[in-house]
Amino acid sequence: MAKFNVTGEQHFGITGQMLEIQRQIRLKGGSPIDPELVIFALQDIIEGKFNLDNKENTILRLLSKGESIVIDSCDGSETLANAKETFKSGIDGDFKNWGTDKPGVATEDTAVQVYELVQNATFAQMFGFLGTDLNKLCLSQSQIKTFCRKYSNWLRQDGYATFFLFKGGDQFFVAGVLVGSGGLGVCVSRFEYDYVWYAECLHRMVVPQRTV
């Protein structure tokens, strides 16, 4: 592993960020970040696996590098459970069964990135690879629908899934969009679902553009 000289300013900044992580996971009302993802992320940093350009260690590959993909502003009123005109091949009944069929908040124009799975991984490992704050990786249901309608060419083809993280109440869910002969279909899973998705299927993920 390469060796780097850490300046006093860098040391101060890293220490401050570590203290902020400790503060958040110890909040009396509950942590806003998933502690399991903190463990994944810190272990990856220790092992030098946090560089997205390191193909040997990476879980995801950025497909949309250099591309401008922007989801137009949304009023937040649309839900996936009712998007029959977009998902003509079918909509998973669990969107309603699990109480996700509720309007969200309005959003501004949002730049997103498309990743491809290159190592077998669970949802926690996929999204955790991009950050420990899941809220920053979420799109609204309206944004997911808009993306699928406007950028269908970026969806994984051949019946394999493109994943989107979204929030329903205080819970996280993953919408999986499939492209079939009859059009688009969408299913939903709980974020905690521990199924291991196989890299050979080249599943995709769409998340807000990383700013760091």
N, C-alpha and C. Protein backbone atom coordinates (compact mmCIF):
# COMPACT_ATOMS: atom_id res chain seq x y z
N MET A 1 0.85 -1.19 0.00
CA MET A 1 0.00 0.00 0.00
C MET A 1 0.88 1.24 0.00
N ALA A 2 0.52 2.25 -0.77
CA ALA A 2 1.30 3.48 -0.85
C ALA A 2 1.33 4.19 0.50
N LYS A 3 2.42 4.95 0.73
CA LYS A 3 2.56 5.71 1.97
C LYS A 3 2.41 7.20 1.65
N PHE A 4 1.71 7.94 2.52
CA PHE A 4 1.48 9.36 2.31
C PHE A 4 1.86 10.13 3.56
N ASN A 5 2.41 11.32 3.37
CA ASN A 5 2.70 12.21 4.48
C ASN A 5 1.44 13.01 4.79
N VAL A 6 0.95 12.92 6.02
CA VAL A 6 -0.27 13.62 6.43
C VAL A 6 0.11 14.93 7.09
N THR A 7 -0.40 16.04 6.54
CA THR A 7 -0.11 17.35 7.11
C THR A 7 -0.93 17.57 8.37
N GLY A 8 -0.53 18.56 9.16
CA GLY A 8 -1.27 18.88 10.37
C GLY A 8 -2.71 19.25 10.08
N GLU A 9 -2.93 20.01 9.00
CA GLU A 9 -4.30 20.41 8.63
C GLU A 9 -5.14 19.20 8.23
N GLN A 10 -4.54 18.27 7.48
CA GLN A 10 -5.26 17.06 7.08
C GLN A 10 -5.59 16.20 8.29
N HIS A 11 -4.63 16.09 9.21
CA HIS A 11 -4.86 15.31 10.44
C HIS A 11 -6.02 15.90 11.23
N PHE A 12 -6.05 17.22 11.33
CA PHE A 12 -7.12 17.90 12.06
C PHE A 12 -8.47 17.63 11.39
N GLY A 13 -8.51 17.69 10.06
CA GLY A 13 -9.76 17.47 9.34
C GLY A 13 -10.27 16.05 9.49
N ILE A 14 -9.36 15.06 9.37
CA ILE A 14 -9.75 13.65 9.50
C ILE A 14 -10.25 13.36 10.91
N THR A 15 -9.53 13.88 11.90
CA THR A 15 -9.94 13.66 13.28
C THR A 15 -11.32 14.25 13.55
N GLY A 16 -11.56 15.44 12.99
CA GLY A 16 -12.86 16.08 13.16
C GLY A 16 -13.98 15.26 12.55
N GLN A 17 -13.74 14.67 11.39
CA GLN A 17 -14.75 13.85 10.73
C GLN A 17 -15.02 12.57 11.52
N MET A 18 -13.95 11.97 12.07
CA MET A 18 -14.13 10.78 12.88
C MET A 18 -14.95 11.08 14.13
N LEU A 19 -14.70 12.22 14.74
CA LEU A 19 -15.46 12.61 15.92
C LEU A 19 -16.92 12.86 15.57
N GLU A 20 -17.17 13.39 14.38
CA GLU A 20 -18.56 13.63 13.96
C GLU A 20 -19.29 12.31 13.74
N ILE A 21 -18.59 11.31 13.20
CA ILE A 21 -19.20 9.98 13.05
C ILE A 21 -19.55 9.42 14.41
N GLN A 22 -18.63 9.54 15.36
CA GLN A 22 -18.90 9.06 16.72
C GLN A 22 -20.10 9.77 17.33
N ARG A 23 -20.18 11.08 17.11
CA ARG A 23 -21.30 11.85 17.67
C ARG A 23 -22.64 11.35 17.09
N GLN A 24 -22.66 11.13 15.77
CA GLN A 24 -23.92 10.73 15.13
C GLN A 24 -24.37 9.33 15.54
N ILE A 25 -23.44 8.40 15.72
CA ILE A 25 -23.86 7.04 16.06
C ILE A 25 -24.22 6.92 17.54
N ARG A 26 -23.95 7.98 18.32
CA ARG A 26 -24.28 7.95 19.75
C ARG A 26 -25.47 8.84 20.11
N LEU A 27 -26.16 9.39 19.13
CA LEU A 27 -27.29 10.27 19.41
C LEU A 27 -28.36 9.51 20.19
N LYS A 28 -28.92 10.15 21.20
CA LYS A 28 -29.91 9.50 22.06
C LYS A 28 -31.15 9.07 21.29
N GLY A 29 -31.56 9.85 20.31
CA GLY A 29 -32.76 9.53 19.55
C GLY A 29 -32.54 8.51 18.44
N GLY A 30 -31.33 8.02 18.32
CA GLY A 30 -31.02 7.06 17.25
C GLY A 30 -30.10 7.67 16.22
N SER A 31 -29.30 6.85 15.60
CA SER A 31 -28.31 7.33 14.63
C SER A 31 -28.95 7.58 13.26
N PRO A 32 -28.61 8.71 12.59
CA PRO A 32 -29.12 8.96 11.25
C PRO A 32 -28.38 8.17 10.18
N ILE A 33 -27.30 7.51 10.57
CA ILE A 33 -26.55 6.69 9.63
C ILE A 33 -26.52 5.25 10.12
N ASP A 34 -26.49 4.32 9.19
CA ASP A 34 -26.52 2.90 9.52
C ASP A 34 -25.14 2.48 10.06
N PRO A 35 -25.05 2.01 11.30
CA PRO A 35 -23.75 1.63 11.86
C PRO A 35 -23.07 0.50 11.09
N GLU A 36 -23.87 -0.38 10.48
CA GLU A 36 -23.28 -1.46 9.69
C GLU A 36 -22.52 -0.89 8.49
N LEU A 37 -23.06 0.17 7.89
CA LEU A 37 -22.38 0.80 6.76
C LEU A 37 -21.12 1.52 7.21
N VAL A 38 -21.15 2.08 8.42
CA VAL A 38 -19.94 2.70 8.97
C VAL A 38 -18.83 1.66 9.09
N ILE A 39 -19.20 0.48 9.57
CA ILE A 39 -18.22 -0.60 9.71
C ILE A 39 -17.65 -0.99 8.35
N PHE A 40 -18.55 -1.16 7.34
CA PHE A 40 -18.09 -1.51 5.99
C PHE A 40 -17.12 -0.45 5.47
N ALA A 41 -17.53 0.83 5.60
CA ALA A 41 -16.74 1.92 5.03
C ALA A 41 -15.38 2.04 5.70
N LEU A 42 -15.36 1.97 7.04
CA LEU A 42 -14.09 2.10 7.76
C LEU A 42 -13.15 0.93 7.45
N GLN A 43 -13.71 -0.26 7.34
CA GLN A 43 -12.87 -1.40 7.01
C GLN A 43 -12.28 -1.26 5.61
N ASP A 44 -13.10 -0.75 4.66
CA ASP A 44 -12.59 -0.52 3.31
C ASP A 44 -11.48 0.51 3.30
N ILE A 45 -11.62 1.57 4.13
CA ILE A 45 -10.58 2.58 4.21
C ILE A 45 -9.29 1.96 4.76
N ILE A 46 -9.42 1.17 5.79
CA ILE A 46 -8.25 0.50 6.38
C ILE A 46 -7.54 -0.37 5.35
N GLU A 47 -8.34 -1.05 4.50
CA GLU A 47 -7.77 -1.96 3.51
C GLU A 47 -7.46 -1.27 2.19
N GLY A 48 -7.69 0.04 2.13
CA GLY A 48 -7.39 0.78 0.90
C GLY A 48 -8.35 0.52 -0.23
N LYS A 49 -9.61 0.21 0.09
CA LYS A 49 -10.60 -0.14 -0.93
C LYS A 49 -11.58 0.99 -1.24
N PHE A 50 -11.27 2.20 -0.81
CA PHE A 50 -12.22 3.27 -0.94
C PHE A 50 -12.05 4.08 -2.21
N ASN A 51 -11.10 3.73 -3.06
CA ASN A 51 -10.87 4.46 -4.30
C ASN A 51 -11.69 3.84 -5.41
N LEU A 52 -12.64 4.59 -5.97
CA LEU A 52 -13.51 4.05 -7.02
C LEU A 52 -12.76 3.75 -8.31
N ASP A 53 -11.54 4.30 -8.45
CA ASP A 53 -10.77 4.03 -9.66
C ASP A 53 -9.90 2.78 -9.53
N ASN A 54 -9.90 2.17 -8.36
CA ASN A 54 -9.13 0.96 -8.12
C ASN A 54 -9.97 -0.24 -8.55
N LYS A 55 -9.78 -0.70 -9.77
CA LYS A 55 -10.64 -1.74 -10.34
C LYS A 55 -10.53 -3.06 -9.60
N GLU A 56 -9.40 -3.29 -8.97
CA GLU A 56 -9.22 -4.56 -8.28
C GLU A 56 -10.09 -4.63 -7.03
N ASN A 57 -10.25 -3.49 -6.35
CA ASN A 57 -10.95 -3.47 -5.08
C ASN A 57 -12.37 -2.94 -5.15
N THR A 58 -12.74 -2.37 -6.27
CA THR A 58 -14.02 -1.69 -6.34
C THR A 58 -15.19 -2.67 -6.43
N ILE A 59 -16.33 -2.27 -5.87
CA ILE A 59 -17.57 -3.04 -6.00
C ILE A 59 -18.36 -2.54 -7.20
N LEU A 60 -18.23 -1.23 -7.48
CA LEU A 60 -18.98 -0.60 -8.55
C LEU A 60 -18.06 0.05 -9.57
N ARG A 61 -18.55 0.15 -10.79
CA ARG A 61 -17.83 0.88 -11.83
C ARG A 61 -18.73 2.00 -12.32
N LEU A 62 -18.19 3.21 -12.40
CA LEU A 62 -18.97 4.35 -12.86
C LEU A 62 -19.12 4.29 -14.37
N LEU A 63 -20.37 4.12 -14.83
CA LEU A 63 -20.64 4.03 -16.26
C LEU A 63 -20.81 5.40 -16.91
N SER A 64 -21.32 6.34 -16.14
CA SER A 64 -21.73 7.62 -16.71
C SER A 64 -20.67 8.71 -16.58
N LYS A 65 -19.42 8.34 -16.36
CA LYS A 65 -18.36 9.32 -16.21
C LYS A 65 -18.29 10.23 -17.42
N GLY A 66 -18.31 11.53 -17.18
CA GLY A 66 -18.25 12.51 -18.26
C GLY A 66 -19.59 12.83 -18.88
N GLU A 67 -20.65 12.13 -18.47
CA GLU A 67 -21.98 12.36 -19.02
C GLU A 67 -22.78 13.28 -18.08
N SER A 68 -23.65 14.08 -18.68
CA SER A 68 -24.54 14.94 -17.89
C SER A 68 -25.93 14.32 -17.89
N ILE A 69 -26.31 13.75 -16.74
CA ILE A 69 -27.62 13.13 -16.60
C ILE A 69 -28.34 13.86 -15.48
N VAL A 70 -29.37 14.61 -15.83
CA VAL A 70 -30.06 15.46 -14.87
C VAL A 70 -31.54 15.12 -14.84
N ILE A 71 -32.03 14.81 -13.66
CA ILE A 71 -33.46 14.57 -13.47
C ILE A 71 -34.12 15.92 -13.23
N ASP A 72 -35.10 16.24 -14.03
CA ASP A 72 -35.78 17.52 -13.91
C ASP A 72 -36.46 17.65 -12.55
N SER A 73 -36.72 18.88 -12.15
CA SER A 73 -37.39 19.13 -10.88
C SER A 73 -38.74 18.40 -10.83
N CYS A 74 -39.10 17.91 -9.66
CA CYS A 74 -40.34 17.15 -9.48
C CYS A 74 -41.11 17.74 -8.31
N ASP A 75 -42.43 17.68 -8.38
CA ASP A 75 -43.22 18.19 -7.25
C ASP A 75 -43.40 17.16 -6.15
N GLY A 76 -42.94 15.93 -6.39
CA GLY A 76 -42.97 14.90 -5.36
C GLY A 76 -44.29 14.17 -5.21
N SER A 77 -45.26 14.49 -6.05
CA SER A 77 -46.59 13.90 -5.87
C SER A 77 -46.72 12.49 -6.43
N GLU A 78 -45.83 12.10 -7.34
CA GLU A 78 -45.96 10.81 -8.00
C GLU A 78 -45.35 9.69 -7.14
N THR A 79 -45.98 8.52 -7.19
CA THR A 79 -45.46 7.35 -6.51
C THR A 79 -45.31 6.22 -7.51
N LEU A 80 -44.43 5.30 -7.21
CA LEU A 80 -44.18 4.18 -8.12
C LEU A 80 -45.37 3.23 -8.19
N ALA A 81 -46.10 3.11 -7.10
CA ALA A 81 -47.25 2.21 -7.07
C ALA A 81 -48.32 2.59 -8.09
N ASN A 82 -48.37 3.87 -8.44
CA ASN A 82 -49.41 4.35 -9.36
C ASN A 82 -48.88 4.74 -10.73
N ALA A 83 -47.62 4.40 -11.01
CA ALA A 83 -47.00 4.81 -12.27
C ALA A 83 -47.22 3.79 -13.39
N LYS A 84 -48.46 3.44 -13.62
CA LYS A 84 -48.78 2.38 -14.58
C LYS A 84 -48.42 2.78 -16.02
N GLU A 85 -48.47 4.07 -16.31
CA GLU A 85 -48.15 4.49 -17.68
C GLU A 85 -46.66 4.36 -17.97
N THR A 86 -45.83 4.33 -16.92
CA THR A 86 -44.39 4.18 -17.10
C THR A 86 -43.97 2.72 -16.99
N PHE A 87 -44.53 2.01 -16.03
CA PHE A 87 -44.15 0.61 -15.78
C PHE A 87 -45.26 -0.32 -16.28
N LYS A 88 -45.32 -0.46 -17.58
CA LYS A 88 -46.41 -1.20 -18.22
C LYS A 88 -46.28 -2.71 -18.04
N SER A 89 -45.09 -3.20 -17.71
CA SER A 89 -44.91 -4.64 -17.53
C SER A 89 -45.31 -5.13 -16.15
N GLY A 90 -45.56 -4.20 -15.25
CA GLY A 90 -45.99 -4.61 -13.92
C GLY A 90 -45.37 -3.80 -12.81
N ILE A 91 -46.12 -3.69 -11.71
CA ILE A 91 -45.67 -2.96 -10.52
C ILE A 91 -45.87 -3.87 -9.31
N ASP A 92 -44.83 -4.05 -8.55
CA ASP A 92 -44.85 -4.91 -7.37
C ASP A 92 -45.91 -4.42 -6.37
N GLY A 93 -46.77 -5.32 -5.93
CA GLY A 93 -47.81 -4.97 -4.97
C GLY A 93 -47.28 -4.55 -3.62
N ASP A 94 -46.02 -4.89 -3.33
CA ASP A 94 -45.45 -4.53 -2.03
C ASP A 94 -45.21 -3.03 -1.88
N PHE A 95 -45.21 -2.29 -2.98
CA PHE A 95 -45.12 -0.84 -2.84
C PHE A 95 -46.27 -0.34 -1.96
N LYS A 96 -47.45 -0.90 -2.16
CA LYS A 96 -48.61 -0.52 -1.34
C LYS A 96 -48.64 -1.31 -0.03
N ASN A 97 -48.31 -2.59 -0.10
CA ASN A 97 -48.35 -3.42 1.11
C ASN A 97 -47.43 -2.89 2.20
N TRP A 98 -46.30 -2.32 1.80
CA TRP A 98 -45.31 -1.82 2.76
C TRP A 98 -45.46 -0.33 3.05
N GLY A 99 -46.54 0.28 2.57
CA GLY A 99 -46.83 1.66 2.91
C GLY A 99 -45.96 2.70 2.23
N THR A 100 -45.39 2.38 1.07
CA THR A 100 -44.55 3.36 0.37
C THR A 100 -45.36 4.25 -0.57
N ASP A 101 -46.64 3.97 -0.72
CA ASP A 101 -47.48 4.69 -1.67
C ASP A 101 -47.93 6.03 -1.09
N LYS A 102 -46.94 6.89 -0.82
CA LYS A 102 -47.22 8.21 -0.26
C LYS A 102 -46.38 9.26 -0.98
N PRO A 103 -46.98 10.43 -1.25
CA PRO A 103 -46.22 11.49 -1.93
C PRO A 103 -44.98 11.89 -1.15
N GLY A 104 -43.98 12.37 -1.87
CA GLY A 104 -42.75 12.83 -1.24
C GLY A 104 -42.63 14.34 -1.32
N VAL A 105 -41.43 14.83 -1.10
CA VAL A 105 -41.18 16.27 -1.13
C VAL A 105 -40.78 16.70 -2.54
N ALA A 106 -40.94 17.98 -2.82
CA ALA A 106 -40.52 18.53 -4.11
C ALA A 106 -39.00 18.54 -4.18
N THR A 107 -38.47 18.34 -5.38
CA THR A 107 -37.01 18.32 -5.58
C THR A 107 -36.62 19.22 -6.74
N GLU A 108 -35.44 19.78 -6.65
CA GLU A 108 -34.89 20.60 -7.73
C GLU A 108 -34.25 19.70 -8.79
N ASP A 109 -33.78 20.30 -9.89
CA ASP A 109 -33.02 19.54 -10.87
C ASP A 109 -31.88 18.82 -10.15
N THR A 110 -31.71 17.54 -10.43
CA THR A 110 -30.73 16.73 -9.71
C THR A 110 -29.86 15.94 -10.67
N ALA A 111 -28.56 16.17 -10.60
CA ALA A 111 -27.61 15.39 -11.41
C ALA A 111 -27.42 14.02 -10.77
N VAL A 112 -27.41 12.99 -11.58
CA VAL A 112 -27.24 11.62 -11.07
C VAL A 112 -26.11 10.92 -11.80
N GLN A 113 -25.67 9.80 -11.22
CA GLN A 113 -24.65 8.97 -11.82
C GLN A 113 -25.14 7.53 -11.90
N VAL A 114 -24.66 6.83 -12.90
CA VAL A 114 -25.05 5.43 -13.11
C VAL A 114 -23.83 4.55 -12.89
N TYR A 115 -23.98 3.56 -12.01
CA TYR A 115 -22.90 2.62 -11.69
C TYR A 115 -23.30 1.21 -12.12
N GLU A 116 -22.27 0.40 -12.32
CA GLU A 116 -22.47 -1.00 -12.68
C GLU A 116 -21.80 -1.87 -11.63
N LEU A 117 -22.48 -2.93 -11.23
CA LEU A 117 -21.94 -3.85 -10.23
C LEU A 117 -20.84 -4.71 -10.85
N VAL A 118 -19.67 -4.72 -10.22
CA VAL A 118 -18.55 -5.51 -10.74
C VAL A 118 -18.06 -6.56 -9.75
N GLN A 119 -18.61 -6.55 -8.53
CA GLN A 119 -18.34 -7.61 -7.55
C GLN A 119 -19.66 -8.00 -6.90
N ASN A 120 -19.81 -9.28 -6.57
CA ASN A 120 -21.02 -9.73 -5.89
C ASN A 120 -21.23 -8.89 -4.62
N ALA A 121 -22.46 -8.47 -4.38
CA ALA A 121 -22.70 -7.59 -3.23
C ALA A 121 -24.17 -7.58 -2.84
N THR A 122 -24.41 -7.29 -1.58
CA THR A 122 -25.77 -7.03 -1.08
C THR A 122 -26.07 -5.54 -1.30
N PHE A 123 -27.32 -5.15 -1.03
CA PHE A 123 -27.67 -3.74 -1.14
C PHE A 123 -26.81 -2.90 -0.20
N ALA A 124 -26.62 -3.39 1.03
CA ALA A 124 -25.84 -2.63 2.01
C ALA A 124 -24.42 -2.41 1.53
N GLN A 125 -23.85 -3.41 0.88
CA GLN A 125 -22.49 -3.28 0.38
C GLN A 125 -22.43 -2.37 -0.85
N MET A 126 -23.40 -2.50 -1.74
CA MET A 126 -23.44 -1.64 -2.93
C MET A 126 -23.51 -0.17 -2.56
N PHE A 127 -24.57 0.18 -1.84
CA PHE A 127 -24.78 1.58 -1.52
C PHE A 127 -23.79 2.06 -0.47
N GLY A 128 -23.41 1.17 0.45
CA GLY A 128 -22.43 1.54 1.45
C GLY A 128 -21.08 1.87 0.86
N PHE A 129 -20.79 1.31 -0.31
CA PHE A 129 -19.53 1.61 -0.99
C PHE A 129 -19.45 3.08 -1.39
N LEU A 130 -20.62 3.71 -1.57
CA LEU A 130 -20.66 5.10 -2.01
C LEU A 130 -20.78 6.09 -0.86
N GLY A 131 -21.07 5.61 0.33
CA GLY A 131 -21.17 6.52 1.47
C GLY A 131 -21.98 5.92 2.59
N THR A 132 -21.76 6.42 3.81
CA THR A 132 -22.46 5.89 4.97
C THR A 132 -23.77 6.61 5.22
N ASP A 133 -23.97 7.79 4.65
CA ASP A 133 -25.22 8.53 4.84
C ASP A 133 -26.19 8.15 3.72
N LEU A 134 -27.08 7.22 4.01
CA LEU A 134 -28.00 6.72 3.00
C LEU A 134 -28.91 7.80 2.45
N ASN A 135 -29.23 8.80 3.26
CA ASN A 135 -30.11 9.87 2.81
C ASN A 135 -29.55 10.58 1.57
N LYS A 136 -28.24 10.67 1.49
CA LYS A 136 -27.61 11.34 0.35
C LYS A 136 -27.61 10.47 -0.90
N LEU A 137 -27.95 9.20 -0.76
CA LEU A 137 -27.95 8.29 -1.91
C LEU A 137 -29.37 8.03 -2.42
N CYS A 138 -30.34 8.63 -1.76
CA CYS A 138 -31.74 8.40 -2.13
C CYS A 138 -32.22 9.32 -3.24
N LEU A 139 -33.14 8.81 -4.02
CA LEU A 139 -33.93 9.61 -4.95
C LEU A 139 -35.38 9.49 -4.50
N SER A 140 -36.21 10.47 -4.84
CA SER A 140 -37.63 10.36 -4.53
C SER A 140 -38.28 9.43 -5.55
N GLN A 141 -39.47 8.95 -5.23
CA GLN A 141 -40.18 8.10 -6.17
C GLN A 141 -40.49 8.85 -7.46
N SER A 142 -40.81 10.12 -7.35
CA SER A 142 -41.05 10.94 -8.54
C SER A 142 -39.80 11.03 -9.40
N GLN A 143 -38.65 11.18 -8.76
CA GLN A 143 -37.39 11.25 -9.51
C GLN A 143 -37.09 9.94 -10.21
N ILE A 144 -37.36 8.82 -9.53
CA ILE A 144 -37.12 7.51 -10.14
C ILE A 144 -37.97 7.34 -11.38
N LYS A 145 -39.25 7.69 -11.26
CA LYS A 145 -40.15 7.59 -12.41
C LYS A 145 -39.67 8.49 -13.55
N THR A 146 -39.28 9.71 -13.22
CA THR A 146 -38.82 10.65 -14.24
C THR A 146 -37.57 10.14 -14.94
N PHE A 147 -36.63 9.58 -14.16
CA PHE A 147 -35.42 9.02 -14.77
C PHE A 147 -35.77 7.92 -15.75
N CYS A 148 -36.64 7.00 -15.34
CA CYS A 148 -36.98 5.86 -16.20
C CYS A 148 -37.67 6.31 -17.48
N ARG A 149 -38.41 7.38 -17.39
CA ARG A 149 -39.11 7.89 -18.57
C ARG A 149 -38.16 8.65 -19.50
N LYS A 150 -37.25 9.44 -18.91
CA LYS A 150 -36.37 10.31 -19.70
C LYS A 150 -35.07 9.63 -20.13
N TYR A 151 -34.56 8.73 -19.29
CA TYR A 151 -33.25 8.12 -19.55
C TYR A 151 -33.33 6.60 -19.59
N SER A 152 -34.32 6.08 -20.25
CA SER A 152 -34.49 4.62 -20.32
C SER A 152 -33.28 3.93 -20.95
N ASN A 153 -32.52 4.67 -21.76
CA ASN A 153 -31.33 4.10 -22.40
C ASN A 153 -30.23 3.78 -21.38
N TRP A 154 -30.32 4.36 -20.18
CA TRP A 154 -29.33 4.09 -19.14
C TRP A 154 -29.73 2.93 -18.23
N LEU A 155 -30.91 2.38 -18.45
CA LEU A 155 -31.34 1.24 -17.65
C LEU A 155 -30.68 -0.04 -18.15
N ARG A 156 -30.39 -0.95 -17.24
CA ARG A 156 -29.83 -2.26 -17.62
C ARG A 156 -30.85 -3.00 -18.46
N GLN A 157 -30.40 -3.56 -19.56
CA GLN A 157 -31.28 -4.27 -20.47
C GLN A 157 -31.28 -5.78 -20.19
N ASP A 158 -31.94 -6.52 -21.04
CA ASP A 158 -31.93 -7.99 -21.01
C ASP A 158 -32.55 -8.59 -19.75
N GLY A 159 -33.49 -7.87 -19.14
CA GLY A 159 -34.20 -8.42 -18.00
C GLY A 159 -33.49 -8.33 -16.67
N TYR A 160 -32.32 -7.66 -16.63
CA TYR A 160 -31.61 -7.48 -15.38
C TYR A 160 -31.97 -6.12 -14.77
N ALA A 161 -31.64 -5.95 -13.50
CA ALA A 161 -32.18 -4.82 -12.75
C ALA A 161 -31.27 -3.59 -12.71
N THR A 162 -31.93 -2.44 -12.63
CA THR A 162 -31.30 -1.18 -12.26
C THR A 162 -31.90 -0.77 -10.92
N PHE A 163 -31.05 -0.50 -9.93
CA PHE A 163 -31.51 -0.26 -8.57
C PHE A 163 -31.51 1.23 -8.22
N PHE A 164 -32.54 1.63 -7.45
CA PHE A 164 -32.68 2.99 -6.96
C PHE A 164 -33.01 2.93 -5.47
N LEU A 165 -32.30 3.67 -4.66
CA LEU A 165 -32.60 3.73 -3.23
C LEU A 165 -33.60 4.85 -2.98
N PHE A 166 -34.64 4.57 -2.21
CA PHE A 166 -35.58 5.61 -1.84
C PHE A 166 -36.05 5.39 -0.41
N LYS A 167 -36.69 6.40 0.12
CA LYS A 167 -37.12 6.35 1.52
C LYS A 167 -38.64 6.41 1.61
N GLY A 168 -39.20 5.52 2.42
CA GLY A 168 -40.63 5.52 2.70
C GLY A 168 -40.82 5.70 4.18
N GLY A 169 -41.26 6.88 4.60
CA GLY A 169 -41.30 7.17 6.03
C GLY A 169 -39.89 7.22 6.57
N ASP A 170 -39.61 6.43 7.60
CA ASP A 170 -38.26 6.40 8.16
C ASP A 170 -37.51 5.14 7.76
N GLN A 171 -38.01 4.44 6.73
CA GLN A 171 -37.37 3.22 6.27
C GLN A 171 -36.80 3.39 4.86
N PHE A 172 -35.75 2.61 4.57
CA PHE A 172 -35.13 2.65 3.25
C PHE A 172 -35.57 1.44 2.44
N PHE A 173 -35.83 1.69 1.16
CA PHE A 173 -36.23 0.64 0.23
C PHE A 173 -35.41 0.75 -1.04
N VAL A 174 -35.40 -0.33 -1.81
CA VAL A 174 -34.71 -0.33 -3.11
C VAL A 174 -35.71 -0.71 -4.18
N ALA A 175 -35.87 0.16 -5.16
CA ALA A 175 -36.70 -0.13 -6.32
C ALA A 175 -35.82 -0.75 -7.40
N GLY A 176 -36.26 -1.87 -7.95
CA GLY A 176 -35.53 -2.52 -9.03
C GLY A 176 -36.32 -2.42 -10.32
N VAL A 177 -35.77 -1.76 -11.32
CA VAL A 177 -36.46 -1.57 -12.59
C VAL A 177 -35.93 -2.55 -13.62
N LEU A 178 -36.82 -3.25 -14.28
CA LEU A 178 -36.48 -4.25 -15.29
C LEU A 178 -37.01 -3.83 -16.65
N VAL A 179 -36.22 -4.07 -17.67
CA VAL A 179 -36.64 -3.78 -19.05
C VAL A 179 -36.98 -5.09 -19.73
N GLY A 180 -38.24 -5.24 -20.11
CA GLY A 180 -38.69 -6.46 -20.77
C GLY A 180 -39.33 -6.18 -22.10
N SER A 181 -39.77 -7.22 -22.77
CA SER A 181 -40.39 -7.06 -24.09
C SER A 181 -41.69 -6.27 -24.02
N GLY A 182 -42.35 -6.30 -22.85
CA GLY A 182 -43.60 -5.56 -22.70
C GLY A 182 -43.42 -4.18 -22.11
N GLY A 183 -42.18 -3.74 -21.96
CA GLY A 183 -41.91 -2.44 -21.38
C GLY A 183 -41.22 -2.56 -20.04
N LEU A 184 -41.29 -1.50 -19.26
CA LEU A 184 -40.62 -1.47 -17.96
C LEU A 184 -41.50 -2.09 -16.87
N GLY A 185 -40.84 -2.74 -15.92
CA GLY A 185 -41.50 -3.24 -14.73
C GLY A 185 -40.70 -2.80 -13.53
N VAL A 186 -41.35 -2.73 -12.36
CA VAL A 186 -40.64 -2.27 -11.18
C VAL A 186 -41.04 -3.10 -9.96
N CYS A 187 -40.05 -3.50 -9.18
CA CYS A 187 -40.29 -4.25 -7.95
C CYS A 187 -39.63 -3.51 -6.79
N VAL A 188 -39.93 -3.94 -5.57
CA VAL A 188 -39.37 -3.26 -4.41
C VAL A 188 -38.85 -4.28 -3.41
N SER A 189 -37.74 -3.93 -2.76
CA SER A 189 -37.15 -4.75 -1.70
C SER A 189 -36.82 -3.85 -0.53
N ARG A 190 -36.81 -4.43 0.65
CA ARG A 190 -36.32 -3.68 1.80
C ARG A 190 -34.80 -3.57 1.71
N PHE A 191 -34.27 -2.45 2.15
CA PHE A 191 -32.83 -2.24 2.07
C PHE A 191 -32.07 -3.33 2.82
N GLU A 192 -32.67 -3.85 3.90
CA GLU A 192 -32.00 -4.85 4.72
C GLU A 192 -31.95 -6.23 4.07
N TYR A 193 -32.65 -6.41 2.96
CA TYR A 193 -32.66 -7.68 2.26
C TYR A 193 -31.21 -8.09 1.97
N ASP A 194 -30.80 -9.25 2.46
CA ASP A 194 -29.38 -9.61 2.41
C ASP A 194 -29.01 -10.54 1.25
N TYR A 195 -29.85 -10.57 0.23
CA TYR A 195 -29.52 -11.37 -0.96
C TYR A 195 -28.26 -10.82 -1.61
N VAL A 196 -27.41 -11.72 -2.09
CA VAL A 196 -26.17 -11.31 -2.78
C VAL A 196 -26.45 -11.28 -4.28
N TRP A 197 -26.30 -10.10 -4.87
CA TRP A 197 -26.53 -9.91 -6.30
C TRP A 197 -25.23 -10.20 -7.04
N TYR A 198 -25.34 -10.94 -8.15
CA TYR A 198 -24.15 -11.41 -8.84
C TYR A 198 -23.63 -10.40 -9.86
N ALA A 199 -22.33 -10.16 -9.80
CA ALA A 199 -21.70 -9.18 -10.68
C ALA A 199 -21.80 -9.58 -12.15
N GLU A 200 -21.86 -10.87 -12.43
CA GLU A 200 -21.92 -11.31 -13.82
C GLU A 200 -23.17 -10.81 -14.53
N CYS A 201 -24.19 -10.42 -13.75
CA CYS A 201 -25.42 -9.89 -14.35
C CYS A 201 -25.31 -8.41 -14.67
N LEU A 202 -24.25 -7.77 -14.19
CA LEU A 202 -23.99 -6.35 -14.47
C LEU A 202 -25.18 -5.46 -14.10
N HIS A 203 -25.75 -5.72 -12.92
CA HIS A 203 -26.82 -4.86 -12.44
C HIS A 203 -26.32 -3.42 -12.32
N ARG A 204 -27.24 -2.48 -12.41
CA ARG A 204 -26.88 -1.07 -12.34
C ARG A 204 -27.50 -0.40 -11.13
N MET A 205 -26.95 0.76 -10.77
CA MET A 205 -27.47 1.60 -9.69
C MET A 205 -27.47 3.04 -10.17
N VAL A 206 -28.50 3.78 -9.75
CA VAL A 206 -28.57 5.20 -10.06
C VAL A 206 -28.68 5.95 -8.75
N VAL A 207 -27.78 6.90 -8.53
CA VAL A 207 -27.76 7.68 -7.28
C VAL A 207 -27.46 9.13 -7.61
N PRO A 208 -27.79 10.06 -6.70
CA PRO A 208 -27.39 11.46 -6.89
C PRO A 208 -25.89 11.56 -7.08
N GLN A 209 -25.48 12.51 -7.90
CA GLN A 209 -24.07 12.66 -8.21
C GLN A 209 -23.26 12.94 -6.96
N ARG A 210 -22.14 12.24 -6.85
CA ARG A 210 -21.25 12.44 -5.71
C ARG A 210 -20.58 13.82 -5.80
N THR A 211 -20.49 14.48 -4.65
CA THR A 211 -19.91 15.82 -4.63
C THR A 211 -18.52 15.83 -4.02
N VAL A 212 -18.06 14.65 -3.56
CA VAL A 212 -16.73 14.55 -2.99
C VAL A 212 -15.97 13.43 -3.66
